[in-house]
Amino acid sequence: MKSESLSINYKSFSNFNELPEVYQRLWNEALNARKSSYSPYSKFTVGCAIELEDGSVITGTNQENAAFPAGLCAERTAMYRAGIHAPRTKFRRLAICATKAGEDILQSAPPCGGCRQVMLEFEKRHQQKFEILFTDASGNFIVMESATNLFPFSFVF
């Protein structure tokens, strides 16, 4: 038997003002998208914004349904929209923000396992990594350089 370990590098910013402007702009797009969240059951509003390589931004929100698990996460909504509207345009970065309904206090919002898997598929499809921005449980802004860093033992053909 051999014991091994993983090390994951990421950037951490303690507040919004520390973020470089490119992240601030994308974060604001995700915050704005969050207002269209349909989340009557969880009351957890999530917005996602993807900056494409051509500079355009595609957004998505979580969409819930009483017939669980028929809803869809904000990240997948945005990625699938990008896959439809700009199928060959690579992603530069993706931002995810979340709050409780009616509040402006940010909640921890790393992507779920299903969204991580879809992110990996887009990285493979475009043959390019993209950055992922979200907040952690302490309110820090986290920037990962790739979906692979979020999901090191992944399922990819």
C-alpha atoms as a PDB file:
ATOM      1  CA  MET A   1       0.000   0.000   0.000  1.00  0.00           C
ATOM      2  CA  LYS A   2       1.099   3.509  -0.771  1.00  0.00           C
ATOM      3  CA  SER A   3      -0.215   6.621   0.963  1.00  0.00           C
ATOM      4  CA  GLU A   4      -0.636   9.710  -1.202  1.00  0.00           C
ATOM      5  CA  SER A   5      -2.082  13.175  -0.753  1.00  0.00           C
ATOM      6  CA  LEU A   6      -3.598  15.938  -2.819  1.00  0.00           C
ATOM      7  CA  SER A   7      -2.844  19.623  -2.644  1.00  0.00           C
ATOM      8  CA  ILE A   8      -5.258  22.162  -4.106  1.00  0.00           C
ATOM      9  CA  ASN A   9      -4.185  25.719  -4.766  1.00  0.00           C
ATOM     10  CA  TYR A  10      -6.678  28.566  -4.783  1.00  0.00           C
ATOM     11  CA  LYS A  11      -6.822  32.297  -4.185  1.00  0.00           C
ATOM     12  CA  SER A  12      -8.708  33.734  -1.222  1.00  0.00           C
ATOM     13  CA  PHE A  13      -9.883  37.337  -0.872  1.00  0.00           C
ATOM     14  CA  SER A  14     -11.270  38.523   2.455  1.00  0.00           C
ATOM     15  CA  ASN A  15     -13.704  41.016   0.937  1.00  0.00           C
ATOM     16  CA  PHE A  16     -15.214  42.222  -2.324  1.00  0.00           C
ATOM     17  CA  ASN A  17     -12.904  45.244  -2.580  1.00  0.00           C
ATOM     18  CA  GLU A  18      -9.846  42.962  -2.629  1.00  0.00           C
ATOM     19  CA  LEU A  19     -11.115  41.213  -5.760  1.00  0.00           C
ATOM     20  CA  PRO A  20      -9.541  42.308  -9.044  1.00  0.00           C
ATOM     21  CA  GLU A  21     -11.989  44.317 -11.172  1.00  0.00           C
ATOM     22  CA  VAL A  22     -12.594  41.464 -13.632  1.00  0.00           C
ATOM     23  CA  TYR A  23     -13.976  39.332 -10.779  1.00  0.00           C
ATOM     24  CA  GLN A  24     -15.972  42.221  -9.322  1.00  0.00           C
ATOM     25  CA  ARG A  25     -17.763  42.777 -12.641  1.00  0.00           C
ATOM     26  CA  LEU A  26     -18.608  39.094 -13.008  1.00  0.00           C
ATOM     27  CA  TRP A  27     -19.701  38.866  -9.358  1.00  0.00           C
ATOM     28  CA  ASN A  28     -22.103  41.761  -9.871  1.00  0.00           C
ATOM     29  CA  GLU A  29     -23.583  39.976 -12.901  1.00  0.00           C
ATOM     30  CA  ALA A  30     -24.169  36.864 -10.759  1.00  0.00           C
ATOM     31  CA  LEU A  31     -25.721  38.976  -7.979  1.00  0.00           C
ATOM     32  CA  ASN A  32     -28.062  40.606 -10.456  1.00  0.00           C
ATOM     33  CA  ALA A  33     -29.010  37.244 -12.007  1.00  0.00           C
ATOM     34  CA  ARG A  34     -29.848  35.893  -8.537  1.00  0.00           C
ATOM     35  CA  LYS A  35     -32.866  38.217  -8.456  1.00  0.00           C
ATOM     36  CA  SER A  36     -34.543  35.934 -11.043  1.00  0.00           C
ATOM     37  CA  SER A  37     -34.100  32.797  -8.944  1.00  0.00           C
ATOM     38  CA  TYR A  38     -37.207  30.651  -8.612  1.00  0.00           C
ATOM     39  CA  SER A  39     -36.692  29.098  -5.178  1.00  0.00           C
ATOM     40  CA  PRO A  40     -40.020  28.954  -3.307  1.00  0.00           C
ATOM     41  CA  TYR A  41     -39.086  25.740  -1.458  1.00  0.00           C
ATOM     42  CA  SER A  42     -35.515  26.249  -0.278  1.00  0.00           C
ATOM     43  CA  LYS A  43     -35.667  30.067  -0.128  1.00  0.00           C
ATOM     44  CA  PHE A  44     -32.015  29.883  -1.260  1.00  0.00           C
ATOM     45  CA  THR A  45     -31.444  32.228  -4.204  1.00  0.00           C
ATOM     46  CA  VAL A  46     -28.449  31.440  -6.402  1.00  0.00           C
ATOM     47  CA  GLY A  47     -27.064  33.343  -9.371  1.00  0.00           C
ATOM     48  CA  CYS A  48     -24.314  32.352 -11.750  1.00  0.00           C
ATOM     49  CA  ALA A  49     -22.483  34.373 -14.387  1.00  0.00           C
ATOM     50  CA  ILE A  50     -20.071  33.005 -16.985  1.00  0.00           C
ATOM     51  CA  GLU A  51     -17.630  35.226 -18.815  1.00  0.00           C
ATOM     52  CA  LEU A  52     -16.949  33.796 -22.260  1.00  0.00           C
ATOM     53  CA  GLU A  53     -13.676  34.230 -24.126  1.00  0.00           C
ATOM     54  CA  ASP A  54     -15.263  36.869 -26.362  1.00  0.00           C
ATOM     55  CA  GLY A  55     -16.075  38.976 -23.252  1.00  0.00           C
ATOM     56  CA  SER A  56     -19.814  38.338 -23.289  1.00  0.00           C
ATOM     57  CA  VAL A  57     -21.554  37.128 -20.129  1.00  0.00           C
ATOM     58  CA  ILE A  58     -24.238  34.456 -19.817  1.00  0.00           C
ATOM     59  CA  THR A  59     -26.188  34.128 -16.580  1.00  0.00           C
ATOM     60  CA  GLY A  60     -28.350  31.549 -14.884  1.00  0.00           C
ATOM     61  CA  THR A  61     -30.318  31.081 -11.670  1.00  0.00           C
ATOM     62  CA  ASN A  62     -31.534  28.135  -9.686  1.00  0.00           C
ATOM     63  CA  GLN A  63     -34.976  26.949 -10.752  1.00  0.00           C
ATOM     64  CA  GLU A  64     -36.847  24.742  -8.280  1.00  0.00           C
ATOM     65  CA  ASN A  65     -39.781  22.420  -8.795  1.00  0.00           C
ATOM     66  CA  ALA A  66     -42.132  20.726  -6.338  1.00  0.00           C
ATOM     67  CA  ALA A  67     -41.267  17.412  -7.980  1.00  0.00           C
ATOM     68  CA  PHE A  68     -37.768  17.112  -6.493  1.00  0.00           C
ATOM     69  CA  PRO A  69     -35.193  16.765  -8.082  1.00  0.00           C
ATOM     70  CA  ALA A  70     -36.690  18.260 -11.250  1.00  0.00           C
ATOM     71  CA  GLY A  71     -35.191  21.702 -10.513  1.00  0.00           C
ATOM     72  CA  LEU A  72     -31.825  22.883 -11.753  1.00  0.00           C
ATOM     73  CA  CYS A  73     -28.880  24.699 -10.175  1.00  0.00           C
ATOM     74  CA  ALA A  74     -27.852  28.181 -11.321  1.00  0.00           C
ATOM     75  CA  GLU A  75     -24.482  26.926 -12.571  1.00  0.00           C
ATOM     76  CA  ARG A  76     -25.969  24.281 -14.842  1.00  0.00           C
ATOM     77  CA  THR A  77     -28.636  26.696 -16.070  1.00  0.00           C
ATOM     78  CA  ALA A  78     -25.902  29.147 -17.110  1.00  0.00           C
ATOM     79  CA  MET A  79     -23.590  26.500 -18.591  1.00  0.00           C
ATOM     80  CA  TYR A  80     -26.371  24.905 -20.636  1.00  0.00           C
ATOM     81  CA  ARG A  81     -27.473  28.339 -21.871  1.00  0.00           C
ATOM     82  CA  ALA A  82     -23.883  28.971 -22.951  1.00  0.00           C
ATOM     83  CA  GLY A  83     -23.824  25.574 -24.656  1.00  0.00           C
ATOM     84  CA  ILE A  84     -26.913  26.553 -26.635  1.00  0.00           C
ATOM     85  CA  HIS A  85     -26.128  30.211 -27.423  1.00  0.00           C
ATOM     86  CA  ALA A  86     -22.357  29.957 -27.898  1.00  0.00           C
ATOM     87  CA  PRO A  87     -21.488  26.259 -28.230  1.00  0.00           C
ATOM     88  CA  ARG A  88     -17.917  26.768 -29.409  1.00  0.00           C
ATOM     89  CA  THR A  89     -17.064  29.768 -27.238  1.00  0.00           C
ATOM     90  CA  LYS A  90     -14.794  28.865 -24.327  1.00  0.00           C
ATOM     91  CA  PHE A  91     -15.389  29.955 -20.743  1.00  0.00           C
ATOM     92  CA  ARG A  92     -12.905  32.296 -19.041  1.00  0.00           C
ATOM     93  CA  ARG A  93     -14.442  32.304 -15.596  1.00  0.00           C
ATOM     94  CA  LEU A  94     -17.635  31.538 -13.711  1.00  0.00           C
ATOM     95  CA  ALA A  95     -19.022  33.237 -10.578  1.00  0.00           C
ATOM     96  CA  ILE A  96     -21.586  31.769  -8.174  1.00  0.00           C
ATOM     97  CA  CYS A  97     -23.353  33.775  -5.466  1.00  0.00           C
ATOM     98  CA  ALA A  98     -26.122  32.828  -3.063  1.00  0.00           C
ATOM     99  CA  THR A  99     -28.294  34.463  -0.422  1.00  0.00           C
ATOM    100  CA  LYS A 100     -31.380  33.551   1.505  1.00  0.00           C
ATOM    101  CA  ALA A 101     -34.518  34.948  -0.142  1.00  0.00           C
ATOM    102  CA  GLY A 102     -35.098  38.581   0.742  1.00  0.00           C
ATOM    103  CA  GLU A 103     -31.606  39.012   2.228  1.00  0.00           C
ATOM    104  CA  ASP A 104     -28.349  40.413   0.926  1.00  0.00           C
ATOM    105  CA  ILE A 105     -26.008  38.504   3.253  1.00  0.00           C
ATOM    106  CA  LEU A 106     -23.896  36.158   1.150  1.00  0.00           C
ATOM    107  CA  GLN A 107     -24.043  32.460   1.903  1.00  0.00           C
ATOM    108  CA  SER A 108     -21.404  29.824   1.208  1.00  0.00           C
ATOM    109  CA  ALA A 109     -21.881  28.780  -2.418  1.00  0.00           C
ATOM    110  CA  PRO A 110     -19.387  26.266  -3.758  1.00  0.00           C
ATOM    111  CA  PRO A 111     -20.860  24.250  -6.642  1.00  0.00           C
ATOM    112  CA  CYS A 112     -22.556  20.936  -5.895  1.00  0.00           C
ATOM    113  CA  GLY A 113     -21.172  17.644  -7.206  1.00  0.00           C
ATOM    114  CA  GLY A 114     -23.506  17.582 -10.216  1.00  0.00           C
ATOM    115  CA  CYS A 115     -22.444  21.072 -11.250  1.00  0.00           C
ATOM    116  CA  ARG A 116     -18.787  20.193 -10.757  1.00  0.00           C
ATOM    117  CA  GLN A 117     -19.234  17.265 -13.124  1.00  0.00           C
ATOM    118  CA  VAL A 118     -20.843  19.495 -15.771  1.00  0.00           C
ATOM    119  CA  MET A 119     -17.997  22.009 -15.336  1.00  0.00           C
ATOM    120  CA  LEU A 120     -15.504  19.233 -16.014  1.00  0.00           C
ATOM    121  CA  GLU A 121     -17.394  18.292 -19.147  1.00  0.00           C
ATOM    122  CA  PHE A 122     -17.218  21.889 -20.411  1.00  0.00           C
ATOM    123  CA  GLU A 123     -13.485  22.020 -19.662  1.00  0.00           C
ATOM    124  CA  LYS A 124     -13.043  18.835 -21.668  1.00  0.00           C
ATOM    125  CA  ARG A 125     -15.372  20.014 -24.441  1.00  0.00           C
ATOM    126  CA  HIS A 126     -13.506  23.309 -24.849  1.00  0.00           C
ATOM    127  CA  GLN A 127     -10.106  21.825 -23.971  1.00  0.00           C
ATOM    128  CA  GLN A 128      -9.502  24.739 -21.647  1.00  0.00           C
ATOM    129  CA  LYS A 129      -9.738  25.283 -17.904  1.00  0.00           C
ATOM    130  CA  PHE A 130     -11.759  28.169 -16.489  1.00  0.00           C
ATOM    131  CA  GLU A 131     -11.728  29.924 -13.131  1.00  0.00           C
ATOM    132  CA  ILE A 132     -14.517  29.484 -10.588  1.00  0.00           C
ATOM    133  CA  LEU A 133     -15.390  32.227  -8.070  1.00  0.00           C
ATOM    134  CA  PHE A 134     -17.596  31.609  -5.023  1.00  0.00           C
ATOM    135  CA  THR A 135     -17.799  32.424  -1.312  1.00  0.00           C
ATOM    136  CA  ASP A 136     -16.889  30.053   1.502  1.00  0.00           C
ATOM    137  CA  ALA A 137     -18.508  29.573   4.918  1.00  0.00           C
ATOM    138  CA  SER A 138     -16.330  32.349   6.384  1.00  0.00           C
ATOM    139  CA  GLY A 139     -17.418  34.899   3.779  1.00  0.00           C
ATOM    140  CA  ASN A 140     -14.148  34.830   1.864  1.00  0.00           C
ATOM    141  CA  PHE A 141     -14.149  35.016  -1.915  1.00  0.00           C
ATOM    142  CA  ILE A 142     -12.487  31.905  -3.339  1.00  0.00           C
ATOM    143  CA  VAL A 143     -11.062  31.618  -6.857  1.00  0.00           C
ATOM    144  CA  MET A 144     -10.260  28.132  -8.131  1.00  0.00           C
ATOM    145  CA  GLU A 145      -8.232  27.859 -11.327  1.00  0.00           C
ATOM    146  CA  SER A 146     -10.135  24.858 -12.618  1.00  0.00           C
ATOM    147  CA  ALA A 147     -13.072  22.528 -12.011  1.00  0.00           C
ATOM    148  CA  THR A 148     -10.522  19.714 -11.712  1.00  0.00           C
ATOM    149  CA  ASN A 149      -9.313  21.331  -8.491  1.00  0.00           C
ATOM    150  CA  LEU A 150     -12.848  21.057  -7.099  1.00  0.00           C
ATOM    151  CA  PHE A 151     -13.311  17.480  -8.258  1.00  0.00           C
ATOM    152  CA  PRO A 152      -9.913  15.753  -8.541  1.00  0.00           C
ATOM    153  CA  PHE A 153     -11.198  12.182  -8.941  1.00  0.00           C
ATOM    154  CA  SER A 154     -13.739  12.873 -11.618  1.00  0.00           C
ATOM    155  CA  PHE A 155     -15.695  10.903 -14.139  1.00  0.00           C
ATOM    156  CA  VAL A 156     -14.691  11.989 -17.629  1.00  0.00           C
ATOM    157  CA  PHE A 157     -14.517   9.899 -20.803  1.00  0.00           C
END
